[in-house]
Amino acid sequence: MLAKVFQKSYKGKPVEANILLFGKDIQVCLTGGDQAHIGAVAIGIPRKSLSSDGMVSSSASVICVTGHKEDILARRISLVLAAEFAVTVASSVGLHIDKANSEDIAELEQITENILAEIIVYLQNVYHNQLIKGRSTKCKNTFCASL
């Protein structure tokens, strides 16, 4: 099992993504702000693209705690990583800023996108190294497919 933490901050409060690799599958836990919690969870499953272009896409199932709005972020993380790496991805998100306004929400969405980009670069290197060392028999992500 491989673990990695990605850290940012917003208004002096931590925003942290913990990722775990279980075999080839990925778990992401994104929390932060004034109080870490679970606001939503999503699971992304890779599938063939419906556009018949041979690409890998993904589908997601989401559960959101009543009154929370993290479902969009959990879904995005799971869909993007499942499609990029052709693996099952589970994500949980809980970001809370007291008296958050639309600007706060937009900033947290952007921070999430930045963290997601960092996770992709990190995992591209992890999966690439596993492919080269022969520990992975099949690498379907777009990065490894170009090798």
N, C-alpha and C. Protein backbone atom coordinates (compact mmCIF):
# COMPACT_ATOMS: atom_id res chain seq x y z
N MET A 1 0.85 -1.17 0.00
CA MET A 1 0.00 0.00 0.00
C MET A 1 0.89 1.24 0.00
N LEU A 2 0.59 2.16 -0.89
CA LEU A 2 1.34 3.40 -1.02
C LEU A 2 0.46 4.55 -0.55
N ALA A 3 1.02 5.45 0.24
CA ALA A 3 0.26 6.60 0.74
C ALA A 3 1.01 7.89 0.43
N LYS A 4 0.25 8.95 0.19
CA LYS A 4 0.85 10.26 -0.11
C LYS A 4 -0.13 11.33 0.35
N VAL A 5 0.40 12.45 0.84
CA VAL A 5 -0.42 13.57 1.30
C VAL A 5 -0.10 14.80 0.45
N PHE A 6 -1.15 15.50 0.03
CA PHE A 6 -1.03 16.75 -0.71
C PHE A 6 -1.66 17.84 0.14
N GLN A 7 -0.93 18.92 0.41
CA GLN A 7 -1.42 19.94 1.33
C GLN A 7 -1.46 21.31 0.69
N LYS A 8 -2.54 22.03 0.96
CA LYS A 8 -2.71 23.43 0.58
C LYS A 8 -3.34 24.11 1.79
N SER A 9 -3.61 25.40 1.66
CA SER A 9 -4.35 26.08 2.72
C SER A 9 -5.26 27.13 2.09
N TYR A 10 -6.30 27.46 2.84
CA TYR A 10 -7.23 28.51 2.43
C TYR A 10 -7.59 29.31 3.66
N LYS A 11 -7.32 30.62 3.59
CA LYS A 11 -7.56 31.52 4.73
C LYS A 11 -6.91 30.98 6.00
N GLY A 12 -5.70 30.45 5.85
CA GLY A 12 -4.96 29.95 6.99
C GLY A 12 -5.41 28.60 7.52
N LYS A 13 -6.38 27.99 6.85
CA LYS A 13 -6.90 26.68 7.27
C LYS A 13 -6.36 25.61 6.33
N PRO A 14 -6.05 24.43 6.85
CA PRO A 14 -5.51 23.36 6.00
C PRO A 14 -6.56 22.78 5.06
N VAL A 15 -6.11 22.43 3.87
CA VAL A 15 -6.88 21.63 2.91
C VAL A 15 -5.94 20.52 2.50
N GLU A 16 -6.33 19.28 2.77
CA GLU A 16 -5.40 18.16 2.63
C GLU A 16 -6.06 17.00 1.90
N ALA A 17 -5.32 16.45 0.95
CA ALA A 17 -5.76 15.24 0.27
C ALA A 17 -4.81 14.12 0.63
N ASN A 18 -5.36 13.08 1.21
CA ASN A 18 -4.60 11.86 1.51
C ASN A 18 -4.99 10.83 0.47
N ILE A 19 -4.00 10.27 -0.21
CA ILE A 19 -4.30 9.22 -1.17
C ILE A 19 -3.64 7.92 -0.73
N LEU A 20 -4.35 6.85 -0.97
CA LEU A 20 -3.85 5.50 -0.70
C LEU A 20 -4.02 4.68 -1.97
N LEU A 21 -3.03 3.90 -2.28
CA LEU A 21 -3.13 2.97 -3.40
C LEU A 21 -3.25 1.57 -2.82
N PHE A 22 -4.33 0.90 -3.17
CA PHE A 22 -4.57 -0.48 -2.75
C PHE A 22 -4.45 -1.33 -4.00
N GLY A 23 -3.32 -1.99 -4.19
CA GLY A 23 -3.09 -2.66 -5.46
C GLY A 23 -3.07 -1.60 -6.54
N LYS A 24 -3.98 -1.70 -7.50
CA LYS A 24 -4.05 -0.68 -8.54
C LYS A 24 -5.12 0.36 -8.27
N ASP A 25 -5.95 0.17 -7.27
CA ASP A 25 -7.06 1.09 -7.01
C ASP A 25 -6.62 2.25 -6.11
N ILE A 26 -7.43 3.33 -6.16
CA ILE A 26 -7.06 4.58 -5.51
C ILE A 26 -8.16 5.01 -4.53
N GLN A 27 -7.74 5.46 -3.35
CA GLN A 27 -8.63 6.07 -2.36
C GLN A 27 -8.14 7.49 -2.13
N VAL A 28 -9.03 8.46 -2.22
CA VAL A 28 -8.70 9.86 -1.96
C VAL A 28 -9.60 10.37 -0.84
N CYS A 29 -9.00 11.01 0.14
CA CYS A 29 -9.75 11.64 1.22
C CYS A 29 -9.33 13.12 1.26
N LEU A 30 -10.25 14.00 0.87
CA LEU A 30 -9.98 15.44 0.82
C LEU A 30 -10.76 16.11 1.94
N THR A 31 -10.05 16.72 2.87
CA THR A 31 -10.71 17.38 4.00
C THR A 31 -10.03 18.71 4.29
N GLY A 32 -10.71 19.52 5.08
CA GLY A 32 -10.06 20.75 5.50
C GLY A 32 -11.02 21.87 5.82
N GLY A 33 -10.41 23.03 6.00
CA GLY A 33 -11.17 24.20 6.40
C GLY A 33 -11.26 24.27 7.91
N ASP A 34 -12.40 24.74 8.39
CA ASP A 34 -12.60 24.90 9.83
C ASP A 34 -12.83 23.58 10.54
N GLN A 35 -13.40 22.59 9.82
CA GLN A 35 -13.68 21.30 10.46
C GLN A 35 -13.66 20.19 9.43
N ALA A 36 -12.73 19.25 9.59
CA ALA A 36 -12.68 18.09 8.70
C ALA A 36 -13.88 17.20 8.99
N HIS A 37 -14.44 16.64 7.96
CA HIS A 37 -15.62 15.77 8.10
C HIS A 37 -15.82 15.01 6.80
N ILE A 38 -16.84 14.18 6.73
CA ILE A 38 -17.24 13.53 5.48
C ILE A 38 -18.54 14.18 5.04
N GLY A 39 -18.48 14.86 3.91
CA GLY A 39 -19.67 15.50 3.36
C GLY A 39 -20.26 14.72 2.20
N ALA A 40 -19.39 14.02 1.47
CA ALA A 40 -19.85 13.22 0.33
C ALA A 40 -18.80 12.18 0.00
N VAL A 41 -19.26 11.07 -0.56
CA VAL A 41 -18.37 10.03 -1.06
C VAL A 41 -18.78 9.66 -2.47
N ALA A 42 -17.81 9.25 -3.26
CA ALA A 42 -18.09 8.83 -4.63
C ALA A 42 -17.17 7.69 -5.00
N ILE A 43 -17.65 6.84 -5.88
CA ILE A 43 -16.82 5.77 -6.43
C ILE A 43 -16.87 5.90 -7.94
N GLY A 44 -15.70 5.93 -8.54
CA GLY A 44 -15.57 6.01 -9.99
C GLY A 44 -15.12 4.67 -10.54
N ILE A 45 -15.78 4.25 -11.61
CA ILE A 45 -15.50 2.96 -12.24
C ILE A 45 -15.11 3.23 -13.70
N PRO A 46 -13.96 2.75 -14.15
CA PRO A 46 -13.58 2.97 -15.55
C PRO A 46 -14.45 2.14 -16.49
N ARG A 47 -14.63 2.67 -17.69
CA ARG A 47 -15.40 1.97 -18.73
C ARG A 47 -14.94 2.50 -20.09
N LYS A 48 -15.31 1.78 -21.13
CA LYS A 48 -15.03 2.27 -22.48
C LYS A 48 -15.83 3.53 -22.74
N SER A 49 -15.22 4.46 -23.43
CA SER A 49 -15.92 5.70 -23.77
C SER A 49 -17.12 5.39 -24.65
N LEU A 50 -18.20 6.11 -24.43
CA LEU A 50 -19.42 5.92 -25.23
C LEU A 50 -19.26 6.50 -26.63
N SER A 51 -18.22 7.28 -26.86
CA SER A 51 -18.00 7.89 -28.18
C SER A 51 -17.31 6.95 -29.15
N SER A 52 -17.02 5.73 -28.75
CA SER A 52 -16.40 4.71 -29.60
C SER A 52 -15.04 5.13 -30.14
N ASP A 53 -14.33 5.96 -29.41
CA ASP A 53 -13.01 6.39 -29.86
C ASP A 53 -11.89 5.57 -29.24
N GLY A 54 -12.24 4.52 -28.51
CA GLY A 54 -11.25 3.66 -27.90
C GLY A 54 -10.67 4.20 -26.60
N MET A 55 -11.13 5.35 -26.18
CA MET A 55 -10.63 5.95 -24.95
C MET A 55 -11.33 5.34 -23.73
N VAL A 56 -10.70 5.50 -22.57
CA VAL A 56 -11.31 5.07 -21.32
C VAL A 56 -12.05 6.27 -20.73
N SER A 57 -13.26 6.04 -20.32
CA SER A 57 -14.05 7.05 -19.62
C SER A 57 -14.40 6.47 -18.25
N SER A 58 -15.38 7.03 -17.57
CA SER A 58 -15.76 6.49 -16.27
C SER A 58 -17.18 6.88 -15.92
N SER A 59 -17.73 6.14 -14.98
CA SER A 59 -19.04 6.43 -14.39
C SER A 59 -18.85 6.52 -12.90
N ALA A 60 -19.75 7.27 -12.23
CA ALA A 60 -19.60 7.44 -10.78
C ALA A 60 -20.94 7.29 -10.07
N SER A 61 -20.86 6.81 -8.86
CA SER A 61 -21.99 6.79 -7.94
C SER A 61 -21.60 7.66 -6.75
N VAL A 62 -22.55 8.47 -6.28
CA VAL A 62 -22.26 9.46 -5.24
C VAL A 62 -23.29 9.38 -4.12
N ILE A 63 -22.82 9.52 -2.90
CA ILE A 63 -23.69 9.66 -1.73
C ILE A 63 -23.27 10.94 -1.03
N CYS A 64 -24.25 11.81 -0.76
CA CYS A 64 -23.97 13.08 -0.12
C CYS A 64 -24.74 13.19 1.18
N VAL A 65 -24.07 13.65 2.22
CA VAL A 65 -24.73 13.90 3.49
C VAL A 65 -25.71 15.05 3.28
N THR A 66 -26.92 14.90 3.79
CA THR A 66 -27.95 15.92 3.63
C THR A 66 -27.42 17.29 4.06
N GLY A 67 -27.62 18.28 3.18
CA GLY A 67 -27.21 19.64 3.48
C GLY A 67 -25.78 19.96 3.08
N HIS A 68 -25.04 18.99 2.62
CA HIS A 68 -23.65 19.23 2.22
C HIS A 68 -23.56 19.38 0.70
N LYS A 69 -22.48 20.01 0.25
CA LYS A 69 -22.34 20.30 -1.18
C LYS A 69 -21.06 19.73 -1.78
N GLU A 70 -20.42 18.83 -1.05
CA GLU A 70 -19.15 18.27 -1.55
C GLU A 70 -19.34 17.20 -2.60
N ASP A 71 -20.59 16.84 -2.94
CA ASP A 71 -20.83 15.78 -3.92
C ASP A 71 -20.20 16.07 -5.27
N ILE A 72 -20.22 17.32 -5.70
CA ILE A 72 -19.64 17.69 -7.00
C ILE A 72 -18.14 17.43 -7.00
N LEU A 73 -17.48 17.77 -5.89
CA LEU A 73 -16.03 17.58 -5.80
C LEU A 73 -15.66 16.10 -5.72
N ALA A 74 -16.40 15.34 -4.91
CA ALA A 74 -16.12 13.91 -4.79
C ALA A 74 -16.32 13.21 -6.14
N ARG A 75 -17.40 13.57 -6.83
CA ARG A 75 -17.69 12.98 -8.14
C ARG A 75 -16.58 13.30 -9.14
N ARG A 76 -16.16 14.55 -9.17
CA ARG A 76 -15.11 14.97 -10.11
C ARG A 76 -13.81 14.21 -9.86
N ILE A 77 -13.39 14.13 -8.61
CA ILE A 77 -12.15 13.42 -8.29
C ILE A 77 -12.24 11.98 -8.76
N SER A 78 -13.34 11.30 -8.44
CA SER A 78 -13.48 9.88 -8.79
C SER A 78 -13.55 9.68 -10.31
N LEU A 79 -14.32 10.52 -11.00
CA LEU A 79 -14.44 10.38 -12.46
C LEU A 79 -13.11 10.61 -13.17
N VAL A 80 -12.43 11.68 -12.80
CA VAL A 80 -11.17 12.03 -13.48
C VAL A 80 -10.11 10.96 -13.27
N LEU A 81 -9.91 10.54 -12.03
CA LEU A 81 -8.86 9.56 -11.76
C LEU A 81 -9.20 8.18 -12.32
N ALA A 82 -10.47 7.79 -12.27
CA ALA A 82 -10.87 6.49 -12.82
C ALA A 82 -10.63 6.44 -14.32
N ALA A 83 -10.96 7.53 -15.01
CA ALA A 83 -10.75 7.57 -16.46
C ALA A 83 -9.26 7.67 -16.82
N GLU A 84 -8.53 8.46 -16.08
CA GLU A 84 -7.11 8.67 -16.38
C GLU A 84 -6.30 7.40 -16.17
N PHE A 85 -6.60 6.65 -15.11
CA PHE A 85 -5.77 5.50 -14.78
C PHE A 85 -6.45 4.15 -14.96
N ALA A 86 -7.71 4.16 -15.41
CA ALA A 86 -8.46 2.93 -15.68
C ALA A 86 -8.47 2.01 -14.46
N VAL A 87 -8.75 2.60 -13.31
CA VAL A 87 -8.83 1.86 -12.05
C VAL A 87 -10.07 2.33 -11.29
N THR A 88 -10.46 1.56 -10.29
CA THR A 88 -11.56 1.98 -9.42
C THR A 88 -11.03 3.03 -8.44
N VAL A 89 -11.82 4.09 -8.25
CA VAL A 89 -11.42 5.19 -7.37
C VAL A 89 -12.55 5.48 -6.39
N ALA A 90 -12.23 5.53 -5.10
CA ALA A 90 -13.18 5.96 -4.08
C ALA A 90 -12.67 7.27 -3.51
N SER A 91 -13.57 8.24 -3.40
CA SER A 91 -13.16 9.52 -2.82
C SER A 91 -14.17 9.96 -1.78
N SER A 92 -13.66 10.61 -0.76
CA SER A 92 -14.52 11.25 0.24
C SER A 92 -14.04 12.68 0.38
N VAL A 93 -15.00 13.59 0.51
CA VAL A 93 -14.66 15.01 0.60
C VAL A 93 -15.45 15.63 1.74
N GLY A 94 -14.75 16.42 2.54
CA GLY A 94 -15.37 17.17 3.62
C GLY A 94 -14.62 18.47 3.85
N LEU A 95 -15.08 19.54 3.23
CA LEU A 95 -14.47 20.85 3.37
C LEU A 95 -15.48 21.78 4.03
N HIS A 96 -15.09 22.43 5.12
CA HIS A 96 -16.03 23.31 5.80
C HIS A 96 -15.36 24.64 6.14
N ILE A 97 -15.98 25.71 5.68
CA ILE A 97 -15.58 27.06 6.04
C ILE A 97 -16.79 27.70 6.71
N ASP A 98 -16.62 28.18 7.94
CA ASP A 98 -17.73 28.83 8.63
C ASP A 98 -18.24 30.01 7.81
N LYS A 99 -19.55 30.08 7.64
CA LYS A 99 -20.21 31.18 6.93
C LYS A 99 -19.63 31.38 5.53
N ALA A 100 -19.42 30.28 4.82
CA ALA A 100 -18.85 30.33 3.47
C ALA A 100 -19.78 31.07 2.52
N ASN A 101 -19.18 31.89 1.66
CA ASN A 101 -19.94 32.56 0.61
C ASN A 101 -19.53 31.97 -0.75
N SER A 102 -20.09 32.49 -1.81
CA SER A 102 -19.82 31.92 -3.14
C SER A 102 -18.34 32.05 -3.52
N GLU A 103 -17.68 33.09 -3.05
CA GLU A 103 -16.24 33.25 -3.32
C GLU A 103 -15.43 32.15 -2.62
N ASP A 104 -15.79 31.85 -1.38
CA ASP A 104 -15.12 30.78 -0.65
C ASP A 104 -15.29 29.44 -1.37
N ILE A 105 -16.50 29.16 -1.81
CA ILE A 105 -16.78 27.90 -2.50
C ILE A 105 -15.99 27.81 -3.80
N ALA A 106 -15.94 28.91 -4.56
CA ALA A 106 -15.17 28.93 -5.81
C ALA A 106 -13.68 28.70 -5.54
N GLU A 107 -13.16 29.30 -4.48
CA GLU A 107 -11.75 29.11 -4.13
C GLU A 107 -11.46 27.66 -3.74
N LEU A 108 -12.35 27.06 -2.95
CA LEU A 108 -12.15 25.67 -2.57
C LEU A 108 -12.25 24.74 -3.77
N GLU A 109 -13.12 25.05 -4.72
CA GLU A 109 -13.20 24.27 -5.96
C GLU A 109 -11.89 24.37 -6.73
N GLN A 110 -11.30 25.58 -6.80
CA GLN A 110 -10.03 25.76 -7.51
C GLN A 110 -8.90 25.04 -6.79
N ILE A 111 -8.87 25.10 -5.48
CA ILE A 111 -7.85 24.38 -4.72
C ILE A 111 -7.97 22.89 -4.97
N THR A 112 -9.20 22.39 -5.02
CA THR A 112 -9.42 20.97 -5.32
C THR A 112 -8.88 20.62 -6.69
N GLU A 113 -9.13 21.47 -7.69
CA GLU A 113 -8.60 21.23 -9.04
C GLU A 113 -7.08 21.21 -9.05
N ASN A 114 -6.47 22.13 -8.30
CA ASN A 114 -5.00 22.17 -8.23
C ASN A 114 -4.44 20.90 -7.58
N ILE A 115 -5.08 20.47 -6.50
CA ILE A 115 -4.64 19.23 -5.84
C ILE A 115 -4.84 18.05 -6.77
N LEU A 116 -5.97 18.00 -7.47
CA LEU A 116 -6.23 16.90 -8.41
C LEU A 116 -5.16 16.85 -9.49
N ALA A 117 -4.73 18.00 -10.00
CA ALA A 117 -3.66 18.03 -11.01
C ALA A 117 -2.36 17.49 -10.43
N GLU A 118 -2.04 17.83 -9.19
CA GLU A 118 -0.84 17.31 -8.54
C GLU A 118 -0.93 15.80 -8.36
N ILE A 119 -2.10 15.31 -7.97
CA ILE A 119 -2.29 13.87 -7.79
C ILE A 119 -2.07 13.14 -9.11
N ILE A 120 -2.59 13.69 -10.21
CA ILE A 120 -2.43 13.05 -11.52
C ILE A 120 -0.95 12.95 -11.89
N VAL A 121 -0.21 14.02 -11.73
CA VAL A 121 1.23 13.99 -12.06
C VAL A 121 1.95 12.96 -11.19
N TYR A 122 1.65 12.96 -9.91
CA TYR A 122 2.27 11.99 -9.00
C TYR A 122 1.96 10.56 -9.42
N LEU A 123 0.68 10.28 -9.69
CA LEU A 123 0.29 8.91 -10.03
C LEU A 123 0.80 8.49 -11.41
N GLN A 124 0.92 9.43 -12.33
CA GLN A 124 1.53 9.09 -13.62
C GLN A 124 2.93 8.55 -13.41
N ASN A 125 3.67 9.17 -12.53
CA ASN A 125 5.03 8.70 -12.23
C ASN A 125 4.99 7.35 -11.52
N VAL A 126 4.08 7.17 -10.58
CA VAL A 126 3.98 5.90 -9.85
C VAL A 126 3.66 4.77 -10.81
N TYR A 127 2.62 4.94 -11.64
CA TYR A 127 2.22 3.88 -12.55
C TYR A 127 3.27 3.66 -13.64
N HIS A 128 3.91 4.72 -14.08
CA HIS A 128 4.98 4.59 -15.08
C HIS A 128 6.13 3.78 -14.51
N ASN A 129 6.53 4.07 -13.28
CA ASN A 129 7.63 3.33 -12.65
C ASN A 129 7.26 1.87 -12.42
N GLN A 130 6.01 1.59 -12.06
CA GLN A 130 5.58 0.21 -11.89
C GLN A 130 5.64 -0.53 -13.22
N LEU A 131 5.27 0.12 -14.30
CA LEU A 131 5.31 -0.50 -15.63
C LEU A 131 6.74 -0.82 -16.02
N ILE A 132 7.65 0.12 -15.82
CA ILE A 132 9.05 -0.08 -16.18
C ILE A 132 9.67 -1.19 -15.35
N LYS A 133 9.36 -1.26 -14.07
CA LYS A 133 9.95 -2.27 -13.19
C LYS A 133 9.27 -3.62 -13.33
N GLY A 134 8.24 -3.70 -14.16
CA GLY A 134 7.59 -4.97 -14.39
C GLY A 134 6.61 -5.39 -13.32
N ARG A 135 6.30 -4.50 -12.39
CA ARG A 135 5.35 -4.86 -11.32
C ARG A 135 3.90 -4.73 -11.79
N SER A 136 3.70 -4.02 -12.88
CA SER A 136 2.35 -3.87 -13.41
C SER A 136 2.32 -4.50 -14.79
N THR A 137 1.37 -5.37 -15.03
CA THR A 137 1.31 -6.04 -16.33
C THR A 137 0.53 -5.23 -17.35
N LYS A 138 -0.26 -4.31 -16.89
CA LYS A 138 -1.08 -3.53 -17.80
C LYS A 138 -1.26 -2.12 -17.26
N CYS A 139 -0.90 -1.14 -18.03
CA CYS A 139 -1.09 0.24 -17.65
C CYS A 139 -1.93 0.90 -18.72
N LYS A 140 -3.15 1.27 -18.40
CA LYS A 140 -4.08 1.79 -19.40
C LYS A 140 -4.14 3.31 -19.44
N ASN A 141 -3.47 3.99 -18.53
CA ASN A 141 -3.64 5.44 -18.53
C ASN A 141 -2.97 6.08 -19.75
N THR A 142 -3.40 7.27 -20.08
CA THR A 142 -2.92 7.93 -21.30
C THR A 142 -1.44 8.18 -21.29
N PHE A 143 -0.87 8.41 -20.12
CA PHE A 143 0.57 8.63 -20.01
C PHE A 143 1.35 7.37 -20.39
N CYS A 144 1.00 6.24 -19.79
CA CYS A 144 1.71 5.00 -20.06
C CYS A 144 1.42 4.48 -21.47
N ALA A 145 0.22 4.74 -21.98
CA ALA A 145 -0.13 4.26 -23.31
C ALA A 145 0.76 4.88 -24.38
N SER A 146 1.34 6.05 -24.08
CA SER A 146 2.19 6.71 -25.07
C SER A 146 3.61 6.17 -25.07
N LEU A 147 3.94 5.25 -24.15
CA LEU A 147 5.30 4.71 -24.08
C LEU A 147 5.58 3.71 -25.17
